[in-house]
Amino acid sequence: MLNLVIFDFPFEGPFGADMSAAFAPLAADIDKQPGLVWKVWTEKPAEQAAGGVYLFADAAAADDFIAMHSARLESLGVKDVTINRHEVNEELSAITNASLSRD
């Protein structure tokens, strides 16, 4: 079953185009994560926060990424990370045109 994972954390920047330039190598690395379907990068400059919404092919891939990415964020000094995880109802999501594959 597909798993949706949401990371939110305090972040001082950069944001926007500067964030894109700074984190393009990280985005390319995340894209190679086994079981990752897609990631949406999130940012809230006014609240000094960032994060991401990830869709994984299954619970095992989500578990592996949560462990790896949590350790990565901790090694970068990021604290107060909030992680939410949900199973995806694929049938209802298809009715509302959710993209549930890498294609």
PDB file of N, CA and C in Angstrom:
ATOM      1  N   MET A   1       0.838  -1.179   0.000  1.00  0.00           N
ATOM      2  CA  MET A   1       0.000   0.000   0.000  1.00  0.00           C
ATOM      3  C   MET A   1       0.880   1.239   0.000  1.00  0.00           C
ATOM      4  N   LEU A   2       0.497   2.236  -0.798  1.00  0.00           N
ATOM      5  CA  LEU A   2       1.236   3.494  -0.844  1.00  0.00           C
ATOM      6  C   LEU A   2       1.224   4.182   0.514  1.00  0.00           C
ATOM      7  N   ASN A   3       2.336   4.838   0.842  1.00  0.00           N
ATOM      8  CA  ASN A   3       2.467   5.586   2.090  1.00  0.00           C
ATOM      9  C   ASN A   3       2.859   7.020   1.782  1.00  0.00           C
ATOM     10  N   LEU A   4       2.163   7.962   2.420  1.00  0.00           N
ATOM     11  CA  LEU A   4       2.466   9.378   2.315  1.00  0.00           C
ATOM     12  C   LEU A   4       3.164   9.801   3.607  1.00  0.00           C
ATOM     13  N   VAL A   5       4.295  10.476   3.475  1.00  0.00           N
ATOM     14  CA  VAL A   5       5.072  10.929   4.629  1.00  0.00           C
ATOM     15  C   VAL A   5       5.271  12.436   4.501  1.00  0.00           C
ATOM     16  N   ILE A   6       5.024  13.147   5.603  1.00  0.00           N
ATOM     17  CA  ILE A   6       5.170  14.601   5.617  1.00  0.00           C
ATOM     18  C   ILE A   6       6.188  14.988   6.689  1.00  0.00           C
ATOM     19  N   PHE A   7       7.246  15.674   6.274  1.00  0.00           N
ATOM     20  CA  PHE A   7       8.251  16.227   7.182  1.00  0.00           C
ATOM     21  C   PHE A   7       8.036  17.730   7.261  1.00  0.00           C
ATOM     22  N   ASP A   8       8.020  18.288   8.463  1.00  0.00           N
ATOM     23  CA  ASP A   8       8.001  19.731   8.695  1.00  0.00           C
ATOM     24  C   ASP A   8       9.046  20.040   9.758  1.00  0.00           C
ATOM     25  N   PHE A   9       9.797  21.137   9.561  1.00  0.00           N
ATOM     26  CA  PHE A   9      10.816  21.497  10.531  1.00  0.00           C
ATOM     27  C   PHE A   9      11.182  22.972  10.418  1.00  0.00           C
ATOM     28  N   PRO A  10      11.728  23.529  11.505  1.00  0.00           N
ATOM     29  CA  PRO A  10      12.215  24.906  11.455  1.00  0.00           C
ATOM     30  C   PRO A  10      13.363  25.008  10.446  1.00  0.00           C
ATOM     31  N   PHE A  11      13.397  26.102   9.707  1.00  0.00           N
ATOM     32  CA  PHE A  11      14.418  26.275   8.669  1.00  0.00           C
ATOM     33  C   PHE A  11      14.631  27.767   8.443  1.00  0.00           C
ATOM     34  N   GLU A  12      15.862  28.215   8.540  1.00  0.00           N
ATOM     35  CA  GLU A  12      16.178  29.636   8.406  1.00  0.00           C
ATOM     36  C   GLU A  12      16.436  30.064   6.972  1.00  0.00           C
ATOM     37  N   GLY A  13      16.389  29.141   6.045  1.00  0.00           N
ATOM     38  CA  GLY A  13      16.624  29.483   4.647  1.00  0.00           C
ATOM     39  C   GLY A  13      17.892  28.837   4.149  1.00  0.00           C
ATOM     40  N   PRO A  14      18.140  28.996   2.880  1.00  0.00           N
ATOM     41  CA  PRO A  14      17.510  29.878   1.914  1.00  0.00           C
ATOM     42  C   PRO A  14      16.142  29.365   1.445  1.00  0.00           C
ATOM     43  N   PHE A  15      15.397  30.260   0.780  1.00  0.00           N
ATOM     44  CA  PHE A  15      14.089  29.931   0.239  1.00  0.00           C
ATOM     45  C   PHE A  15      14.042  30.295  -1.247  1.00  0.00           C
ATOM     46  N   GLY A  16      13.002  29.836  -1.915  1.00  0.00           N
ATOM     47  CA  GLY A  16      12.782  30.184  -3.323  1.00  0.00           C
ATOM     48  C   GLY A  16      13.900  29.697  -4.222  1.00  0.00           C
ATOM     49  N   ALA A  17      14.299  30.570  -5.145  1.00  0.00           N
ATOM     50  CA  ALA A  17      15.326  30.207  -6.121  1.00  0.00           C
ATOM     51  C   ALA A  17      16.658  29.871  -5.449  1.00  0.00           C
ATOM     52  N   ASP A  18      16.969  30.564  -4.368  1.00  0.00           N
ATOM     53  CA  ASP A  18      18.224  30.268  -3.656  1.00  0.00           C
ATOM     54  C   ASP A  18      18.178  28.862  -3.050  1.00  0.00           C
ATOM     55  N   MET A  19      17.009  28.474  -2.541  1.00  0.00           N
ATOM     56  CA  MET A  19      16.851  27.121  -2.003  1.00  0.00           C
ATOM     57  C   MET A  19      17.016  26.097  -3.124  1.00  0.00           C
ATOM     58  N   SER A  20      16.407  26.388  -4.277  1.00  0.00           N
ATOM     59  CA  SER A  20      16.516  25.469  -5.420  1.00  0.00           C
ATOM     60  C   SER A  20      17.969  25.250  -5.813  1.00  0.00           C
ATOM     61  N   ALA A  21      18.724  26.325  -5.885  1.00  0.00           N
ATOM     62  CA  ALA A  21      20.136  26.214  -6.263  1.00  0.00           C
ATOM     63  C   ALA A  21      20.937  25.455  -5.207  1.00  0.00           C
ATOM     64  N   ALA A  22      20.673  25.753  -3.944  1.00  0.00           N
ATOM     65  CA  ALA A  22      21.441  25.135  -2.861  1.00  0.00           C
ATOM     66  C   ALA A  22      21.156  23.646  -2.706  1.00  0.00           C
ATOM     67  N   PHE A  23      19.912  23.239  -2.969  1.00  0.00           N
ATOM     68  CA  PHE A  23      19.524  21.873  -2.661  1.00  0.00           C
ATOM     69  C   PHE A  23      19.284  20.985  -3.881  1.00  0.00           C
ATOM     70  N   ALA A  24      19.645  21.450  -5.066  1.00  0.00           N
ATOM     71  CA  ALA A  24      19.490  20.610  -6.262  1.00  0.00           C
ATOM     72  C   ALA A  24      20.242  19.281  -6.128  1.00  0.00           C
ATOM     73  N   PRO A  25      21.475  19.261  -5.604  1.00  0.00           N
ATOM     74  CA  PRO A  25      22.147  17.965  -5.440  1.00  0.00           C
ATOM     75  C   PRO A  25      21.403  17.037  -4.455  1.00  0.00           C
ATOM     76  N   LEU A  26      20.861  17.603  -3.389  1.00  0.00           N
ATOM     77  CA  LEU A  26      20.096  16.794  -2.450  1.00  0.00           C
ATOM     78  C   LEU A  26      18.838  16.257  -3.109  1.00  0.00           C
ATOM     79  N   ALA A  27      18.173  17.070  -3.912  1.00  0.00           N
ATOM     80  CA  ALA A  27      16.970  16.617  -4.621  1.00  0.00           C
ATOM     81  C   ALA A  27      17.295  15.442  -5.535  1.00  0.00           C
ATOM     82  N   ALA A  28      18.423  15.522  -6.231  1.00  0.00           N
ATOM     83  CA  ALA A  28      18.831  14.426  -7.116  1.00  0.00           C
ATOM     84  C   ALA A  28      19.109  13.159  -6.316  1.00  0.00           C
ATOM     85  N   ASP A  29      19.693  13.305  -5.129  1.00  0.00           N
ATOM     86  CA  ASP A  29      19.960  12.154  -4.268  1.00  0.00           C
ATOM     87  C   ASP A  29      18.657  11.543  -3.744  1.00  0.00           C
ATOM     88  N   ILE A  30      17.748  12.382  -3.289  1.00  0.00           N
ATOM     89  CA  ILE A  30      16.462  11.889  -2.782  1.00  0.00           C
ATOM     90  C   ILE A  30      15.702  11.167  -3.878  1.00  0.00           C
ATOM     91  N   ASP A  31      15.802  11.651  -5.112  1.00  0.00           N
ATOM     92  CA  ASP A  31      15.087  11.030  -6.230  1.00  0.00           C
ATOM     93  C   ASP A  31      15.521   9.581  -6.459  1.00  0.00           C
ATOM     94  N   LYS A  32      16.711   9.222  -5.994  1.00  0.00           N
ATOM     95  CA  LYS A  32      17.223   7.859  -6.161  1.00  0.00           C
ATOM     96  C   LYS A  32      16.805   6.933  -5.021  1.00  0.00           C
ATOM     97  N   GLN A  33      16.073   7.463  -4.027  1.00  0.00           N
ATOM     98  CA  GLN A  33      15.662   6.666  -2.864  1.00  0.00           C
ATOM     99  C   GLN A  33      14.770   5.512  -3.309  1.00  0.00           C
ATOM    100  N   PRO A  34      15.124   4.268  -2.973  1.00  0.00           N
ATOM    101  CA  PRO A  34      14.285   3.132  -3.360  1.00  0.00           C
ATOM    102  C   PRO A  34      12.854   3.281  -2.840  1.00  0.00           C
ATOM    103  N   GLY A  35      11.911   3.060  -3.729  1.00  0.00           N
ATOM    104  CA  GLY A  35      10.503   3.104  -3.363  1.00  0.00           C
ATOM    105  C   GLY A  35       9.879   4.483  -3.395  1.00  0.00           C
ATOM    106  N   LEU A  36      10.673   5.539  -3.642  1.00  0.00           N
ATOM    107  CA  LEU A  36      10.106   6.879  -3.724  1.00  0.00           C
ATOM    108  C   LEU A  36       9.329   7.033  -5.025  1.00  0.00           C
ATOM    109  N   VAL A  37       8.092   7.478  -4.919  1.00  0.00           N
ATOM    110  CA  VAL A  37       7.287   7.773  -6.100  1.00  0.00           C
ATOM    111  C   VAL A  37       7.509   9.228  -6.490  1.00  0.00           C
ATOM    112  N   TRP A  38       7.372  10.147  -5.523  1.00  0.00           N
ATOM    113  CA  TRP A  38       7.640  11.563  -5.754  1.00  0.00           C
ATOM    114  C   TRP A  38       7.810  12.290  -4.438  1.00  0.00           C
ATOM    115  N   LYS A  39       8.327  13.509  -4.542  1.00  0.00           N
ATOM    116  CA  LYS A  39       8.449  14.407  -3.392  1.00  0.00           C
ATOM    117  C   LYS A  39       8.002  15.795  -3.825  1.00  0.00           C
ATOM    118  N   VAL A  40       7.269  16.468  -2.957  1.00  0.00           N
ATOM    119  CA  VAL A  40       6.942  17.880  -3.110  1.00  0.00           C
ATOM    120  C   VAL A  40       7.722  18.623  -2.027  1.00  0.00           C
ATOM    121  N   TRP A  41       8.534  19.579  -2.431  1.00  0.00           N
ATOM    122  CA  TRP A  41       9.311  20.389  -1.488  1.00  0.00           C
ATOM    123  C   TRP A  41       8.419  21.516  -0.973  1.00  0.00           C
ATOM    124  N   THR A  42       8.427  21.754   0.334  1.00  0.00           N
ATOM    125  CA  THR A  42       7.597  22.797   0.913  1.00  0.00           C
ATOM    126  C   THR A  42       8.468  23.828   1.623  1.00  0.00           C
ATOM    127  N   GLU A  43       7.977  25.064   1.641  1.00  0.00           N
ATOM    128  CA  GLU A  43       8.688  26.126   2.339  1.00  0.00           C
ATOM    129  C   GLU A  43       7.691  27.174   2.810  1.00  0.00           C
ATOM    130  N   LYS A  44       7.987  27.740   3.991  1.00  0.00           N
ATOM    131  CA  LYS A  44       7.186  28.822   4.572  1.00  0.00           C
ATOM    132  C   LYS A  44       8.155  29.882   5.079  1.00  0.00           C
ATOM    133  N   PRO A  45       8.649  30.734   4.191  1.00  0.00           N
ATOM    134  CA  PRO A  45       9.651  31.724   4.605  1.00  0.00           C
ATOM    135  C   PRO A  45       9.197  32.609   5.763  1.00  0.00           C
ATOM    136  N   ALA A  46       7.949  33.042   5.756  1.00  0.00           N
ATOM    137  CA  ALA A  46       7.464  33.931   6.817  1.00  0.00           C
ATOM    138  C   ALA A  46       7.490  33.256   8.181  1.00  0.00           C
ATOM    139  N   GLU A  47       7.391  31.924   8.192  1.00  0.00           N
ATOM    140  CA  GLU A  47       7.405  31.174   9.450  1.00  0.00           C
ATOM    141  C   GLU A  47       8.746  30.486   9.702  1.00  0.00           C
ATOM    142  N   GLN A  48       9.716  30.721   8.798  1.00  0.00           N
ATOM    143  CA  GLN A  48      11.036  30.096   8.914  1.00  0.00           C
ATOM    144  C   GLN A  48      10.890  28.578   9.071  1.00  0.00           C
ATOM    145  N   ALA A  49      10.206  27.969   8.090  1.00  0.00           N
ATOM    146  CA  ALA A  49       9.958  26.530   8.130  1.00  0.00           C
ATOM    147  C   ALA A  49      10.052  25.954   6.720  1.00  0.00           C
ATOM    148  N   ALA A  50      10.324  24.672   6.659  1.00  0.00           N
ATOM    149  CA  ALA A  50      10.397  23.961   5.388  1.00  0.00           C
ATOM    150  C   ALA A  50      10.069  22.495   5.646  1.00  0.00           C
ATOM    151  N   GLY A  51      10.095  21.717   4.573  1.00  0.00           N
ATOM    152  CA  GLY A  51       9.832  20.296   4.710  1.00  0.00           C
ATOM    153  C   GLY A  51       9.547  19.669   3.365  1.00  0.00           C
ATOM    154  N   GLY A  52       8.788  18.588   3.406  1.00  0.00           N
ATOM    155  CA  GLY A  52       8.455  17.900   2.169  1.00  0.00           C
ATOM    156  C   GLY A  52       7.332  16.913   2.374  1.00  0.00           C
ATOM    157  N   VAL A  53       6.673  16.630   1.264  1.00  0.00           N
ATOM    158  CA  VAL A  53       5.618  15.622   1.222  1.00  0.00           C
ATOM    159  C   VAL A  53       6.110  14.549   0.265  1.00  0.00           C
ATOM    160  N   TYR A  54       6.154  13.311   0.741  1.00  0.00           N
ATOM    161  CA  TYR A  54       6.739  12.201  -0.006  1.00  0.00           C
ATOM    162  C   TYR A  54       5.700  11.107  -0.203  1.00  0.00           C
ATOM    163  N   LEU A  55       5.706  10.504  -1.376  1.00  0.00           N
ATOM    164  CA  LEU A  55       4.870   9.332  -1.621  1.00  0.00           C
ATOM    165  C   LEU A  55       5.794   8.152  -1.874  1.00  0.00           C
ATOM    166  N   PHE A  56       5.576   7.071  -1.106  1.00  0.00           N
ATOM    167  CA  PHE A  56       6.389   5.864  -1.222  1.00  0.00           C
ATOM    168  C   PHE A  56       5.541   4.691  -1.681  1.00  0.00           C
ATOM    169  N   ALA A  57       6.174   3.762  -2.373  1.00  0.00           N
ATOM    170  CA  ALA A  57       5.488   2.601  -2.927  1.00  0.00           C
ATOM    171  C   ALA A  57       4.932   1.677  -1.854  1.00  0.00           C
ATOM    172  N   ASP A  58       5.577   1.675  -0.680  1.00  0.00           N
ATOM    173  CA  ASP A  58       5.121   0.778   0.381  1.00  0.00           C
ATOM    174  C   ASP A  58       5.664   1.226   1.730  1.00  0.00           C
ATOM    175  N   ALA A  59       5.200   0.573   2.777  1.00  0.00           N
ATOM    176  CA  ALA A  59       5.580   0.935   4.142  1.00  0.00           C
ATOM    177  C   ALA A  59       7.074   0.737   4.393  1.00  0.00           C
ATOM    178  N   ALA A  60       7.656  -0.314   3.840  1.00  0.00           N
ATOM    179  CA  ALA A  60       9.083  -0.573   4.069  1.00  0.00           C
ATOM    180  C   ALA A  60       9.947   0.552   3.501  1.00  0.00           C
ATOM    181  N   ALA A  61       9.615   1.024   2.307  1.00  0.00           N
ATOM    182  CA  ALA A  61      10.370   2.127   1.705  1.00  0.00           C
ATOM    183  C   ALA A  61      10.210   3.393   2.543  1.00  0.00           C
ATOM    184  N   ALA A  62       9.001   3.643   3.036  1.00  0.00           N
ATOM    185  CA  ALA A  62       8.765   4.808   3.894  1.00  0.00           C
ATOM    186  C   ALA A  62       9.564   4.696   5.184  1.00  0.00           C
ATOM    187  N   ASP A  63       9.562   3.513   5.807  1.00  0.00           N
ATOM    188  CA  ASP A  63      10.331   3.291   7.039  1.00  0.00           C
ATOM    189  C   ASP A  63      11.810   3.580   6.825  1.00  0.00           C
ATOM    190  N   ASP A  64      12.361   3.050   5.742  1.00  0.00           N
ATOM    191  CA  ASP A  64      13.784   3.244   5.448  1.00  0.00           C
ATOM    192  C   ASP A  64      14.106   4.714   5.264  1.00  0.00           C
ATOM    193  N   PHE A  65      13.250   5.419   4.530  1.00  0.00           N
ATOM    194  CA  PHE A  65      13.510   6.836   4.289  1.00  0.00           C
ATOM    195  C   PHE A  65      13.376   7.651   5.566  1.00  0.00           C
ATOM    196  N   ILE A  66      12.359   7.380   6.360  1.00  0.00           N
ATOM    197  CA  ILE A  66      12.171   8.122   7.610  1.00  0.00           C
ATOM    198  C   ILE A  66      13.412   7.990   8.493  1.00  0.00           C
ATOM    199  N   ALA A  67      13.935   6.787   8.628  1.00  0.00           N
ATOM    200  CA  ALA A  67      15.132   6.574   9.452  1.00  0.00           C
ATOM    201  C   ALA A  67      16.336   7.319   8.873  1.00  0.00           C
ATOM    202  N   MET A  68      16.552   7.193   7.564  1.00  0.00           N
ATOM    203  CA  MET A  68      17.706   7.814   6.924  1.00  0.00           C
ATOM    204  C   MET A  68      17.596   9.335   6.952  1.00  0.00           C
ATOM    205  N   HIS A  69      16.432   9.879   6.605  1.00  0.00           N
ATOM    206  CA  HIS A  69      16.284  11.333   6.510  1.00  0.00           C
ATOM    207  C   HIS A  69      16.269  11.982   7.897  1.00  0.00           C
ATOM    208  N   SER A  70      15.694  11.308   8.870  1.00  0.00           N
ATOM    209  CA  SER A  70      15.725  11.829  10.240  1.00  0.00           C
ATOM    210  C   SER A  70      17.163  11.960  10.720  1.00  0.00           C
ATOM    211  N   ALA A  71      17.984  10.944  10.446  1.00  0.00           N
ATOM    212  CA  ALA A  71      19.402  10.998  10.824  1.00  0.00           C
ATOM    213  C   ALA A  71      20.128  12.107  10.065  1.00  0.00           C
ATOM    214  N   ARG A  72      19.800  12.274   8.787  1.00  0.00           N
ATOM    215  CA  ARG A  72      20.416  13.340   7.983  1.00  0.00           C
ATOM    216  C   ARG A  72      20.091  14.697   8.580  1.00  0.00           C
ATOM    217  N   LEU A  73      18.812  14.936   8.869  1.00  0.00           N
ATOM    218  CA  LEU A  73      18.414  16.224   9.436  1.00  0.00           C
ATOM    219  C   LEU A  73      19.087  16.468  10.782  1.00  0.00           C
ATOM    220  N   GLU A  74      19.146  15.432  11.615  1.00  0.00           N
ATOM    221  CA  GLU A  74      19.796  15.560  12.920  1.00  0.00           C
ATOM    222  C   GLU A  74      21.270  15.910  12.760  1.00  0.00           C
ATOM    223  N   SER A  75      21.935  15.282  11.784  1.00  0.00           N
ATOM    224  CA  SER A  75      23.360  15.564  11.566  1.00  0.00           C
ATOM    225  C   SER A  75      23.590  16.998  11.097  1.00  0.00           C
ATOM    226  N   LEU A  76      22.554  17.602  10.510  1.00  0.00           N
ATOM    227  CA  LEU A  76      22.643  18.994  10.064  1.00  0.00           C
ATOM    228  C   LEU A  76      22.201  19.977  11.141  1.00  0.00           C
ATOM    229  N   GLY A  77      21.857  19.444  12.319  1.00  0.00           N
ATOM    230  CA  GLY A  77      21.456  20.293  13.424  1.00  0.00           C
ATOM    231  C   GLY A  77      19.992  20.695  13.414  1.00  0.00           C
ATOM    232  N   VAL A  78      19.202  20.068  12.544  1.00  0.00           N
ATOM    233  CA  VAL A  78      17.776  20.382  12.474  1.00  0.00           C
ATOM    234  C   VAL A  78      17.069  19.687  13.632  1.00  0.00           C
ATOM    235  N   LYS A  79      16.342  20.479  14.418  1.00  0.00           N
ATOM    236  CA  LYS A  79      15.625  19.952  15.582  1.00  0.00           C
ATOM    237  C   LYS A  79      14.137  20.225  15.421  1.00  0.00           C
ATOM    238  N   ASP A  80      13.344  19.623  16.280  1.00  0.00           N
ATOM    239  CA  ASP A  80      11.892  19.824  16.284  1.00  0.00           C
ATOM    240  C   ASP A  80      11.247  19.406  14.969  1.00  0.00           C
ATOM    241  N   VAL A  81      11.677  18.279  14.432  1.00  0.00           N
ATOM    242  CA  VAL A  81      11.113  17.753  13.198  1.00  0.00           C
ATOM    243  C   VAL A  81       9.790  17.052  13.517  1.00  0.00           C
ATOM    244  N   THR A  82       8.770  17.388  12.744  1.00  0.00           N
ATOM    245  CA  THR A  82       7.475  16.717  12.854  1.00  0.00           C
ATOM    246  C   THR A  82       7.320  15.812  11.646  1.00  0.00           C
ATOM    247  N   ILE A  83       6.976  14.538  11.909  1.00  0.00           N
ATOM    248  CA  ILE A  83       6.781  13.572  10.830  1.00  0.00           C
ATOM    249  C   ILE A  83       5.370  13.006  10.959  1.00  0.00           C
ATOM    250  N   ASN A  84       4.602  13.127   9.885  1.00  0.00           N
ATOM    251  CA  ASN A  84       3.275  12.520   9.810  1.00  0.00           C
ATOM    252  C   ASN A  84       3.288  11.494   8.700  1.00  0.00           C
ATOM    253  N   ARG A  85       2.620  10.389   8.948  1.00  0.00           N
ATOM    254  CA  ARG A  85       2.604   9.301   7.974  1.00  0.00           C
ATOM    255  C   ARG A  85       1.183   8.800   7.812  1.00  0.00           C
ATOM    256  N   HIS A  86       0.815   8.529   6.564  1.00  0.00           N
ATOM    257  CA  HIS A  86      -0.540   8.079   6.258  1.00  0.00           C
ATOM    258  C   HIS A  86      -0.491   7.000   5.184  1.00  0.00           C
ATOM    259  N   GLU A  87      -1.385   6.029   5.275  1.00  0.00           N
ATOM    260  CA  GLU A  87      -1.600   5.116   4.167  1.00  0.00           C
ATOM    261  C   GLU A  87      -2.523   5.821   3.177  1.00  0.00           C
ATOM    262  N   VAL A  88      -2.371   5.510   1.892  1.00  0.00           N
ATOM    263  CA  VAL A  88      -3.121   6.181   0.843  1.00  0.00           C
ATOM    264  C   VAL A  88      -4.280   5.300   0.378  1.00  0.00           C
ATOM    265  N   ASN A  89      -5.477   5.869   0.332  1.00  0.00           N
ATOM    266  CA  ASN A  89      -6.620   5.180  -0.263  1.00  0.00           C
ATOM    267  C   ASN A  89      -6.529   5.452  -1.765  1.00  0.00           C
ATOM    268  N   GLU A  90      -5.990   4.474  -2.487  1.00  0.00           N
ATOM    269  CA  GLU A  90      -5.712   4.664  -3.908  1.00  0.00           C
ATOM    270  C   GLU A  90      -6.983   4.817  -4.738  1.00  0.00           C
ATOM    271  N   GLU A  91      -8.034   4.089  -4.389  1.00  0.00           N
ATOM    272  CA  GLU A  91      -9.271   4.143  -5.169  1.00  0.00           C
ATOM    273  C   GLU A  91      -9.893   5.540  -5.122  1.00  0.00           C
ATOM    274  N   LEU A  92     -10.025   6.103  -3.922  1.00  0.00           N
ATOM    275  CA  LEU A  92     -10.597   7.449  -3.811  1.00  0.00           C
ATOM    276  C   LEU A  92      -9.654   8.505  -4.387  1.00  0.00           C
ATOM    277  N   SER A  93      -8.362   8.305  -4.200  1.00  0.00           N
ATOM    278  CA  SER A  93      -7.385   9.254  -4.737  1.00  0.00           C
ATOM    279  C   SER A  93      -7.426   9.280  -6.268  1.00  0.00           C
ATOM    280  N   ALA A  94      -7.658   8.138  -6.886  1.00  0.00           N
ATOM    281  CA  ALA A  94      -7.783   8.087  -8.354  1.00  0.00           C
ATOM    282  C   ALA A  94      -8.994   8.890  -8.834  1.00  0.00           C
ATOM    283  N   ILE A  95     -10.089   8.825  -8.087  1.00  0.00           N
ATOM    284  CA  ILE A  95     -11.279   9.597  -8.454  1.00  0.00           C
ATOM    285  C   ILE A  95     -10.989  11.081  -8.446  1.00  0.00           C
ATOM    286  N   THR A  96     -10.152  11.524  -7.518  1.00  0.00           N
ATOM    287  CA  THR A  96      -9.823  12.955  -7.411  1.00  0.00           C
ATOM    288  C   THR A  96      -8.527  13.319  -8.130  1.00  0.00           C
ATOM    289  N   ASN A  97      -8.099  12.463  -9.049  1.00  0.00           N
ATOM    290  CA  ASN A  97      -6.992  12.734  -9.972  1.00  0.00           C
ATOM    291  C   ASN A  97      -5.621  12.843  -9.331  1.00  0.00           C
ATOM    292  N   ALA A  98      -5.403  12.157  -8.224  1.00  0.00           N
ATOM    293  CA  ALA A  98      -4.077  12.158  -7.606  1.00  0.00           C
ATOM    294  C   ALA A  98      -3.095  11.392  -8.493  1.00  0.00           C
ATOM    295  N   SER A  99      -1.886  11.918  -8.612  1.00  0.00           N
ATOM    296  CA  SER A  99      -0.836  11.224  -9.336  1.00  0.00           C
ATOM    297  C   SER A  99      -0.169  10.243  -8.373  1.00  0.00           C
ATOM    298  N   LEU A 100      -0.331   8.960  -8.638  1.00  0.00           N
ATOM    299  CA  LEU A 100       0.153   7.933  -7.715  1.00  0.00           C
ATOM    300  C   LEU A 100       1.256   7.072  -8.295  1.00  0.00           C
ATOM    301  N   SER A 101       1.908   7.547  -9.353  1.00  0.00           N
ATOM    302  CA  SER A 101       2.999   6.777  -9.946  1.00  0.00           C
ATOM    303  C   SER A 101       4.089   7.721 -10.434  1.00  0.00           C
ATOM    304  N   ARG A 102       5.229   7.157 -10.780  1.00  0.00           N
ATOM    305  CA  ARG A 102       6.349   7.968 -11.285  1.00  0.00           C
ATOM    306  C   ARG A 102       6.163   8.335 -12.758  1.00  0.00           C
ATOM    307  N   ASP A 103       5.237   7.718 -13.409  1.00  0.00           N
ATOM    308  CA  ASP A 103       5.024   7.974 -14.861  1.00  0.00           C
ATOM    309  C   ASP A 103       4.388   9.310 -15.122  1.00  0.00           C
TER     310      ASP A 103
END
